[in-house]
Amino acid sequence: MENINSEFAPPGGSGGQEIYCVGLSHHTTGLTLREKFYVRPGALTETLKSFRQDTGIGRAVIVSTCNRFEIYATRGSPDAAAWILGRAPEIADQMQGRMTPRTGIDAITHLFSVAAGLDAQVLGETQILGQVRDSYEAARIVGMTDAGLNMLFQRALSVGKRVRAETKLAETPVSVSSIAVRLCEKIFDTLKNRHALVVGAGEISSLAAEHLVERGARITIFSTRRRESAEDLARALSSPCQPVENLPGQLAGADIVVSSSGAPHALITAEHVRQAQFIRNGRPLFLVDLAVPRNIAADAANFENVFLYNLDDLDAIAAEHRREREKEIPKCEHLIRDEADAFWAAWDSAAQEDTLRRFHSRIADVVDQELMRSGVDGTAREALKKSIPNRILSEAFRKSRTEMAGHDRHTLLEALKEFFGL
C-alpha cells in the first residue's frame, strides 16, 4: 500500500473529513442582530467549551467579531446552527434565512477571503487577520483543533498575509480613524511622543486611540457620558483619563485632538483654540472631529497652523481609498481561488487515499481471520496477511489513481465506504 501525503491525512485514521462552516455576518444581519451573538475575546474559551459540551462537536473554531459569528469544523452538523440560534432565542424568528452554511471548497474559499480582508465590511481591513489568528489559537489551546483544522487555519493565515504582501488591498486606509491618524503623520512626520487628546470611548474613538498608541503617541482619554467606558479604554492603553470639562484647559499641551462623542454641543470653541495657540506660540495643532453633531466649532480652524478635519472631509478621502482598493479585488480573488483549489485538491486526495487505506486494512483483517481459521500462524501468516491483499488490490488501486476521472473515482470510493462500512 502506497504512502499518501501525510500533511493532509485525516487525523486518527477517521477519514472522509469534510470542512464545514456556518454562521452570520454583516452580509445577512444588521448590527442590532449581530451584537446579540458577539463574544468578547476574554470569553471565547468558555464559549468554545460550552459549544463542545452542548453539541458534542469536539473539533471547531469560533470566529467572533463585530461583523461576524462563524463556526468552522471538520464535521458538519445541524447542531452547530441550532446552537448559534440558541444563544439568542428571542430573535430566532428574525434569524430565519440569515444563517449561511458552507462546505468543502466553498468553506475554504470563504475562510481565506475572511482572513485576507476581502469579505470584511471595511474592504481590506487588517484587524481581521489577527482576529482569525486569535480565534484559532483559542480553539487550539483548549484542544478543539485537529490536524485538519490546524492545516486549514494555518493556510488561511498564510493566504491573508500573502494577499497583503502581493496586492494593494490594505495599502490605503479606509476607516475614518485610520485616515485621521495617517493625516496626523503627514503633518508631524512621526507621532512618537506627540501628545494626543482623545474624546469619547466609542468604537471610532477607541480605534483612533489604538492607532495613535501603536505609533508612539502619548494619549489622554476624556470621558463624556459614560465614564466607565473611558476608564476601561484608558486602562487598556495605559493612559490617563480625565473628565471632558478639563478638555479646553489641556489644549495648550496637546499636538492632536480626536473627538467622537455624543455631546449635543461644541466641546472645543474658537476661543478655546485661540487661547491655546497663544500659549503654544502657534505650534501646529491637528483637530479631528468625527462626531455628529460636531464636537469642534468650524471657526476653530481660523488660526494659523490649526488643521481641522471633520467626517465629511475624511469620508471623501475614505471613498477615494475604497475605489483604489476595489481595483485590487480581481487580483485578490484570483490568488485566493488558486490557494483554495490547491488546498482542497490536497485535502480531497488525502481523504480518498484514506478510504483506500481503510479498505486495504479491512481486507487484510478478513484474510488474517481466515488464515487463523485454517491453522496458519507465525511468520507465514504475517507474510500472507500482507501479500494477499496487496496482490488483490494493488492493480485496482493503481487504476483508481491513474485512470479514473475525479468524479468517477469519488463515486467509487463513496460506494466502498457505503458497502463496507468504512
Protein backbone atom coordinates (compact mmCIF):
# COMPACT_ATOMS: atom_id res chain seq x y z
CA MET A 1 0.00 0.00 0.00
CA GLU A 2 1.49 3.32 -1.05
CA ASN A 3 2.12 6.14 1.39
CA ILE A 4 0.00 9.28 0.94
CA ASN A 5 0.66 12.91 1.67
CA SER A 6 0.52 12.83 5.46
CA GLU A 7 0.26 16.62 5.64
CA PHE A 8 -3.40 16.37 4.70
CA ALA A 9 -4.16 12.88 6.01
CA PRO A 10 -7.29 13.00 8.18
CA PRO A 11 -6.20 12.61 11.79
CA GLY A 12 -6.75 9.48 13.78
CA GLY A 13 -7.46 7.40 10.70
CA SER A 14 -11.10 8.54 10.70
CA GLY A 15 -11.01 9.57 7.06
CA GLY A 16 -13.56 11.32 4.93
CA GLN A 17 -13.36 14.57 6.87
CA GLU A 18 -15.35 17.43 5.48
CA ILE A 19 -14.79 21.13 6.01
CA TYR A 20 -17.87 22.85 7.31
CA CYS A 21 -18.72 26.45 8.16
CA VAL A 22 -21.93 28.04 9.40
CA GLY A 23 -22.70 31.46 10.79
CA LEU A 24 -23.83 35.00 10.18
CA SER A 25 -22.13 38.20 9.07
CA HIS A 26 -22.73 41.80 8.06
CA HIS A 27 -23.89 40.47 4.67
CA THR A 28 -27.02 38.90 6.18
CA THR A 29 -27.63 40.64 9.51
CA GLY A 30 -27.63 44.19 10.79
CA LEU A 31 -25.69 45.33 13.83
CA THR A 32 -28.74 45.08 16.10
CA LEU A 33 -28.91 41.33 15.45
CA ARG A 34 -25.16 40.67 15.21
CA GLU A 35 -24.41 42.15 18.61
CA LYS A 36 -26.64 39.50 20.22
CA PHE A 37 -24.09 36.85 19.22
CA TYR A 38 -20.83 38.72 19.83
CA VAL A 39 -18.34 37.05 22.15
CA ARG A 40 -15.66 39.15 23.83
CA PRO A 41 -12.12 37.77 23.31
CA GLY A 42 -11.83 37.06 27.03
CA ALA A 43 -14.99 34.92 26.97
CA LEU A 44 -14.10 32.88 23.88
CA THR A 45 -12.53 29.98 25.78
CA GLU A 46 -15.65 29.36 27.85
CA THR A 47 -17.84 29.74 24.76
CA LEU A 48 -15.82 27.05 22.96
CA LYS A 49 -16.18 24.70 25.91
CA SER A 50 -19.93 25.33 26.04
CA PHE A 51 -20.22 24.60 22.34
CA ARG A 52 -18.35 21.30 22.76
CA GLN A 53 -20.46 20.26 25.72
CA ASP A 54 -23.80 21.29 24.20
CA THR A 55 -23.30 19.86 20.69
CA GLY A 56 -20.83 17.02 21.14
CA ILE A 57 -18.72 18.54 18.36
CA GLY A 58 -15.23 18.40 19.78
CA ARG A 59 -13.30 19.94 16.89
CA ALA A 60 -14.26 23.50 15.95
CA VAL A 61 -13.07 27.10 15.77
CA ILE A 62 -15.37 30.02 16.56
CA VAL A 63 -14.60 33.33 14.85
CA SER A 64 -16.47 36.16 16.58
CA THR A 65 -16.00 39.82 15.62
CA CYS A 66 -18.30 42.83 15.48
CA ASN A 67 -19.10 41.85 11.87
CA ARG A 68 -19.44 38.05 12.03
CA PHE A 69 -20.06 34.98 14.19
CA GLU A 70 -18.96 31.81 12.42
CA ILE A 71 -18.16 28.23 13.38
CA TYR A 72 -15.63 26.19 11.38
CA ALA A 73 -15.47 22.43 11.91
CA THR A 74 -14.36 19.22 10.23
CA ARG A 75 -17.71 17.60 10.85
CA GLY A 76 -20.93 19.21 9.68
CA SER A 77 -23.92 19.08 11.99
CA PRO A 78 -27.25 20.90 12.21
CA ASP A 79 -26.48 21.16 15.92
CA ALA A 80 -23.94 23.90 15.18
CA ALA A 81 -26.50 26.21 13.56
CA ALA A 82 -29.08 25.40 16.23
CA TRP A 83 -26.54 26.18 18.93
CA ILE A 84 -25.83 29.60 17.41
CA LEU A 85 -29.54 30.44 17.34
CA GLY A 86 -29.86 29.17 20.90
CA ARG A 87 -27.55 31.96 22.03
CA ALA A 88 -30.31 34.48 21.25
CA PRO A 89 -33.65 32.62 21.24
CA GLU A 90 -35.60 35.87 21.49
CA ILE A 91 -34.63 36.75 17.90
CA ALA A 92 -34.74 33.23 16.41
CA ASP A 93 -37.67 34.16 14.16
CA GLN A 94 -35.78 37.17 12.79
CA MET A 95 -32.76 34.97 12.02
CA GLN A 96 -34.65 32.73 9.58
CA GLY A 97 -32.68 32.57 6.32
CA ARG A 98 -29.80 34.64 7.71
CA MET A 99 -27.51 31.75 8.64
CA THR A 100 -25.14 30.72 5.86
CA PRO A 101 -23.81 27.12 5.76
CA ARG A 102 -20.82 26.26 3.57
CA THR A 103 -18.95 23.02 2.94
CA GLY A 104 -15.86 21.84 1.10
CA ILE A 105 -14.12 24.30 -1.17
CA ASP A 106 -16.82 26.94 -0.55
CA ALA A 107 -15.96 26.93 3.17
CA ILE A 108 -12.23 27.05 2.41
CA THR A 109 -12.59 29.95 -0.03
CA HIS A 110 -14.77 31.83 2.44
CA LEU A 111 -12.27 31.49 5.30
CA PHE A 112 -9.39 32.55 3.05
CA SER A 113 -11.43 35.60 1.95
CA VAL A 114 -12.20 36.47 5.57
CA ALA A 115 -8.55 36.24 6.62
CA ALA A 116 -7.50 38.37 3.65
CA GLY A 117 -9.99 41.13 4.49
CA LEU A 118 -11.84 40.61 1.22
CA ASP A 119 -15.09 39.67 2.98
CA ALA A 120 -14.83 42.48 5.55
CA GLN A 121 -17.34 45.28 5.94
CA VAL A 122 -14.39 47.63 5.53
CA LEU A 123 -12.69 46.19 2.46
CA GLY A 124 -9.12 45.11 3.19
CA GLU A 125 -9.19 45.81 6.91
CA THR A 126 -6.09 44.42 8.62
CA GLN A 127 -7.59 43.76 12.06
CA ILE A 128 -9.45 40.64 10.90
CA LEU A 129 -6.25 38.65 10.28
CA GLY A 130 -5.30 39.00 13.94
CA GLN A 131 -8.84 38.12 15.00
CA VAL A 132 -8.77 34.93 12.92
CA ARG A 133 -5.39 34.04 14.42
CA ASP A 134 -6.62 34.65 17.98
CA SER A 135 -9.78 32.60 17.34
CA TYR A 136 -7.71 29.69 16.05
CA GLU A 137 -5.27 29.91 18.96
CA ALA A 138 -8.11 29.91 21.50
CA ALA A 139 -9.54 26.72 19.99
CA ARG A 140 -6.12 25.08 19.74
CA ILE A 141 -5.27 25.82 23.38
CA VAL A 142 -8.47 24.16 24.66
CA GLY A 143 -7.85 21.11 22.46
CA MET A 144 -10.59 21.76 19.92
CA THR A 145 -8.49 21.64 16.75
CA ASP A 146 -7.32 18.54 14.91
CA ALA A 147 -4.75 18.14 12.15
CA GLY A 148 -7.32 19.22 9.57
CA LEU A 149 -8.34 22.44 11.33
CA ASN A 150 -4.71 23.22 12.12
CA MET A 151 -3.77 22.98 8.45
CA LEU A 152 -6.86 24.92 7.36
CA PHE A 153 -6.29 27.88 9.67
CA GLN A 154 -2.54 27.97 9.24
CA ARG A 155 -3.06 28.11 5.48
CA ALA A 156 -5.75 30.79 5.90
CA LEU A 157 -3.34 32.96 7.90
CA SER A 158 -0.68 32.43 5.26
CA VAL A 159 -3.12 33.41 2.49
CA GLY A 160 -4.15 36.52 4.42
CA LYS A 161 -0.53 37.61 4.70
CA ARG A 162 0.13 36.82 1.05
CA VAL A 163 -2.80 38.94 -0.13
CA ARG A 164 -1.49 41.88 1.86
CA ALA A 165 2.06 41.38 0.61
CA GLU A 166 1.24 40.86 -3.07
CA THR A 167 -1.66 43.28 -3.58
CA LYS A 168 -2.52 46.84 -2.60
CA LEU A 169 -5.73 45.82 -0.83
CA ALA A 170 -4.62 47.17 2.56
CA GLU A 171 -2.24 49.85 1.31
CA THR A 172 -4.60 52.82 1.74
CA PRO A 173 -6.66 53.26 4.94
CA VAL A 174 -10.44 53.34 4.59
CA SER A 175 -11.72 53.75 8.16
CA VAL A 176 -12.06 57.34 9.34
CA SER A 177 -10.00 56.53 12.43
CA SER A 178 -7.04 55.18 10.47
CA ILE A 179 -7.27 58.01 7.92
CA ALA A 180 -7.22 60.57 10.71
CA VAL A 181 -4.05 59.06 12.14
CA ARG A 182 -2.42 58.94 8.69
CA LEU A 183 -3.16 62.64 8.26
CA CYS A 184 -1.55 63.32 11.64
CA GLU A 185 1.59 61.58 10.42
CA LYS A 186 1.69 63.77 7.33
CA ILE A 187 1.71 66.89 9.47
CA PHE A 188 4.08 65.74 12.20
CA ASP A 189 6.22 63.20 10.24
CA THR A 190 6.29 60.96 13.32
CA LEU A 191 3.81 60.61 16.15
CA LYS A 192 6.37 59.35 18.63
CA ASN A 193 5.97 61.26 21.90
CA ARG A 194 3.31 63.54 20.41
CA HIS A 195 0.52 64.27 22.87
CA ALA A 196 -2.98 63.39 21.68
CA LEU A 197 -6.29 64.06 23.40
CA VAL A 198 -9.00 61.52 22.56
CA VAL A 199 -12.57 62.48 23.43
CA GLY A 200 -15.10 59.67 23.87
CA ALA A 201 -14.73 55.91 24.20
CA GLY A 202 -16.92 54.56 21.41
CA GLU A 203 -15.68 52.39 18.55
CA ILE A 204 -14.30 55.27 16.45
CA SER A 205 -12.50 56.94 19.34
CA SER A 206 -11.18 53.61 20.59
CA LEU A 207 -9.75 52.68 17.19
CA ALA A 208 -8.16 56.11 16.83
CA ALA A 209 -6.62 55.81 20.30
CA GLU A 210 -5.20 52.37 19.48
CA HIS A 211 -3.71 53.62 16.19
CA LEU A 212 -2.12 56.59 17.97
CA VAL A 213 -0.59 54.45 20.71
CA GLU A 214 0.73 51.96 18.14
CA ARG A 215 2.61 54.83 16.52
CA GLY A 216 4.18 56.01 19.76
CA ALA A 217 1.89 58.88 20.72
CA ARG A 218 1.07 59.72 24.34
CA ILE A 219 -2.68 59.95 24.79
CA THR A 220 -5.17 61.19 27.33
CA ILE A 221 -8.75 59.89 27.24
CA PHE A 222 -11.58 62.30 28.05
CA SER A 223 -14.88 60.84 29.25
CA THR A 224 -18.22 62.30 28.29
CA ARG A 225 -21.43 60.41 29.08
CA ARG A 226 -20.07 57.01 30.14
CA ARG A 227 -17.05 57.44 32.35
CA GLU A 228 -16.66 53.69 32.92
CA SER A 229 -16.08 53.03 29.20
CA ALA A 230 -13.48 55.80 29.03
CA GLU A 231 -11.71 54.47 32.11
CA ASP A 232 -11.68 50.94 30.64
CA LEU A 233 -10.15 52.26 27.40
CA ALA A 234 -7.58 54.33 29.28
CA ARG A 235 -6.66 51.32 31.42
CA ALA A 236 -6.28 49.09 28.36
CA LEU A 237 -3.93 51.61 26.76
CA SER A 238 -2.07 52.50 30.00
CA SER A 239 -3.15 56.13 29.62
CA PRO A 240 -4.73 58.73 31.94
CA CYS A 241 -8.43 59.54 31.88
CA GLN A 242 -9.98 62.93 32.64
CA PRO A 243 -13.50 64.39 32.60
CA VAL A 244 -14.40 66.30 29.44
CA GLU A 245 -14.73 69.50 31.44
CA ASN A 246 -10.91 69.58 31.61
CA LEU A 247 -10.54 69.39 27.83
CA PRO A 248 -10.19 73.14 26.97
CA GLY A 249 -7.50 73.59 29.61
CA GLN A 250 -5.45 70.74 28.14
CA LEU A 251 -5.33 72.05 24.56
CA ALA A 252 -2.20 74.11 25.09
CA GLY A 253 -0.16 70.98 25.86
CA ALA A 254 -1.56 68.88 23.03
CA ASP A 255 -0.49 68.30 19.44
CA ILE A 256 -3.56 66.33 18.33
CA VAL A 257 -7.22 66.17 19.30
CA VAL A 258 -9.54 63.39 18.09
CA SER A 259 -13.13 63.78 19.20
CA SER A 260 -16.09 61.44 18.66
CA SER A 261 -18.54 61.91 21.49
CA GLY A 262 -22.31 62.21 21.57
CA ALA A 263 -22.22 65.67 23.10
CA PRO A 264 -25.03 67.88 21.69
CA HIS A 265 -22.83 70.97 21.53
CA ALA A 266 -19.30 72.03 20.70
CA LEU A 267 -16.73 70.91 23.27
CA ILE A 268 -13.96 72.99 21.68
CA THR A 269 -14.71 76.55 20.52
CA ALA A 270 -12.69 79.05 18.52
CA GLU A 271 -11.94 80.92 21.74
CA HIS A 272 -10.53 77.76 23.35
CA VAL A 273 -8.23 77.28 20.36
CA ARG A 274 -7.20 80.98 20.27
CA GLN A 275 -6.13 80.84 23.90
CA ALA A 276 -4.29 77.57 23.43
CA GLN A 277 -2.41 78.80 20.36
CA PHE A 278 -1.33 81.93 22.18
CA ILE A 279 0.26 79.78 24.89
CA ARG A 280 1.68 77.37 22.29
CA ASN A 281 3.33 80.16 20.27
CA GLY A 282 1.48 78.99 17.17
CA ARG A 283 2.81 75.41 17.06
CA PRO A 284 0.80 73.10 14.76
CA LEU A 285 -2.43 71.78 16.27
CA PHE A 286 -4.29 69.00 14.47
CA LEU A 287 -8.02 68.69 15.24
CA VAL A 288 -10.12 65.77 14.03
CA ASP A 289 -13.87 65.95 14.62
CA LEU A 290 -15.51 62.58 13.98
CA ALA A 291 -18.76 63.38 15.78
CA VAL A 292 -22.33 64.06 14.68
CA PRO A 293 -23.27 66.69 15.75
CA ARG A 294 -19.79 68.19 15.60
CA ASN A 295 -17.72 68.49 18.78
CA ILE A 296 -15.37 71.19 17.45
CA ALA A 297 -16.61 74.57 16.20
CA ALA A 298 -15.94 75.12 12.50
CA ASP A 299 -14.33 78.54 13.12
CA ALA A 300 -11.74 76.90 15.35
CA ALA A 301 -9.77 76.39 12.13
CA ASN A 302 -9.42 80.15 11.57
CA PHE A 303 -5.98 80.31 13.14
CA GLU A 304 -2.53 79.82 11.72
CA ASN A 305 -1.16 76.27 11.98
CA VAL A 306 -4.52 74.88 13.13
CA PHE A 307 -5.74 72.00 10.93
CA LEU A 308 -9.36 70.87 11.34
CA TYR A 309 -10.90 67.86 9.60
CA ASN A 310 -14.49 66.63 10.05
CA LEU A 311 -16.35 63.49 8.99
CA ASP A 312 -17.19 64.82 5.54
CA ASP A 313 -13.53 65.58 4.86
CA LEU A 314 -12.44 62.11 5.95
CA ASP A 315 -15.33 60.31 4.22
CA ALA A 316 -14.27 61.88 0.93
CA ILE A 317 -10.73 60.60 1.44
CA ALA A 318 -12.08 57.19 2.50
CA ALA A 319 -14.25 56.93 -0.63
CA GLU A 320 -11.24 57.57 -2.84
CA HIS A 321 -9.24 54.97 -0.93
CA ARG A 322 -12.09 52.46 -1.27
CA ARG A 323 -12.08 52.94 -5.03
CA GLU A 324 -8.34 52.24 -5.05
CA ARG A 325 -8.86 49.08 -3.01
CA GLU A 326 -11.71 47.86 -5.20
CA LYS A 327 -9.34 47.81 -8.16
CA GLU A 328 -7.41 45.08 -6.32
CA ILE A 329 -10.40 42.76 -5.86
CA PRO A 330 -9.92 40.68 -9.06
CA LYS A 331 -6.26 40.07 -8.23
CA CYS A 332 -7.13 39.07 -4.65
CA GLU A 333 -9.93 36.76 -5.80
CA HIS A 334 -7.63 35.05 -8.29
CA LEU A 335 -4.97 34.49 -5.62
CA ILE A 336 -7.50 33.17 -3.10
CA ARG A 337 -9.13 30.89 -5.68
CA ASP A 338 -5.75 29.36 -6.59
CA GLU A 339 -4.88 28.81 -2.93
CA ALA A 340 -8.29 27.31 -2.15
CA ASP A 341 -8.19 24.99 -5.17
CA ALA A 342 -4.72 23.73 -4.20
CA PHE A 343 -5.70 23.19 -0.58
CA TRP A 344 -8.95 21.41 -1.47
CA ALA A 345 -7.26 19.17 -4.04
CA ALA A 346 -4.70 18.03 -1.45
CA TRP A 347 -7.39 17.66 1.24
CA ASP A 348 -9.75 15.68 -1.01
CA SER A 349 -6.95 13.48 -2.32
CA ALA A 350 -5.87 12.66 1.23
CA ALA A 351 -9.44 11.79 2.22
CA GLN A 352 -9.78 9.49 -0.81
CA GLU A 353 -6.45 7.83 -0.10
CA ASP A 354 -7.54 7.26 3.48
CA THR A 355 -10.61 5.41 2.20
CA LEU A 356 -8.35 3.12 0.17
CA ARG A 357 -6.11 2.59 3.17
CA ARG A 358 -9.04 1.58 5.36
CA PHE A 359 -10.41 -0.71 2.64
CA HIS A 360 -6.99 -2.36 2.40
CA SER A 361 -6.96 -2.76 6.18
CA ARG A 362 -10.46 -4.31 6.13
CA ILE A 363 -9.41 -6.89 3.52
CA ALA A 364 -6.22 -7.64 5.49
CA ASP A 365 -8.31 -8.30 8.61
CA VAL A 366 -10.56 -10.73 6.73
CA VAL A 367 -7.52 -12.56 5.30
CA ASP A 368 -5.96 -12.74 8.77
CA GLN A 369 -9.12 -14.24 10.27
CA GLU A 370 -9.31 -16.89 7.53
CA LEU A 371 -5.63 -17.77 7.94
CA MET A 372 -6.15 -18.24 11.67
CA ARG A 373 -9.18 -20.44 11.00
CA SER A 374 -7.05 -22.51 8.60
CA GLY A 375 -4.36 -23.03 11.22
CA VAL A 376 -1.74 -20.87 9.55
CA ASP A 377 0.31 -18.96 12.11
CA GLY A 378 3.71 -17.41 12.75
CA THR A 379 5.74 -15.63 10.13
CA ALA A 380 3.89 -17.33 7.28
CA ARG A 381 0.58 -15.87 8.44
CA GLU A 382 2.06 -12.37 8.78
CA ALA A 383 3.57 -12.58 5.31
CA LEU A 384 0.34 -13.81 3.72
CA LYS A 385 -1.69 -11.19 5.59
CA LYS A 386 0.29 -8.55 3.71
CA SER A 387 0.86 -10.22 0.36
CA ILE A 388 -2.69 -11.44 -0.38
CA PRO A 389 -4.43 -8.04 -0.01
CA ASN A 390 -1.62 -6.41 -1.99
CA ARG A 391 -1.99 -8.98 -4.81
CA ILE A 392 -5.76 -8.48 -4.90
CA LEU A 393 -5.89 -4.69 -4.58
CA SER A 394 -2.69 -3.16 -5.96
CA GLU A 395 -3.81 -3.11 -9.61
CA ALA A 396 -7.27 -1.83 -8.73
CA PHE A 397 -5.78 0.93 -6.58
CA ARG A 398 -3.35 1.87 -9.33
CA LYS A 399 -6.14 2.23 -11.86
CA SER A 400 -8.27 4.26 -9.46
CA ARG A 401 -5.40 6.74 -9.11
CA THR A 402 -4.23 6.95 -12.69
CA GLU A 403 -7.11 6.04 -14.99
CA MET A 404 -10.30 7.20 -13.29
CA ALA A 405 -11.63 10.73 -13.64
CA GLY A 406 -12.18 12.66 -10.44
CA HIS A 407 -15.96 12.25 -10.32
CA ASP A 408 -15.84 8.52 -11.16
CA ARG A 409 -13.18 7.89 -8.54
CA HIS A 410 -15.14 9.81 -5.93
CA THR A 411 -18.27 7.78 -6.73
CA LEU A 412 -16.33 4.51 -6.43
CA LEU A 413 -14.82 5.45 -3.09
CA GLU A 414 -18.16 6.60 -1.70
CA ALA A 415 -19.57 3.20 -2.74
CA LEU A 416 -16.72 1.40 -0.95
CA LYS A 417 -17.43 3.37 2.22
CA GLU A 418 -21.13 2.56 1.98
CA PHE A 419 -20.76 -1.16 1.17
CA PHE A 420 -18.01 -1.95 3.66
CA GLY A 421 -18.91 0.49 6.42
CA LEU A 422 -15.60 2.32 6.17
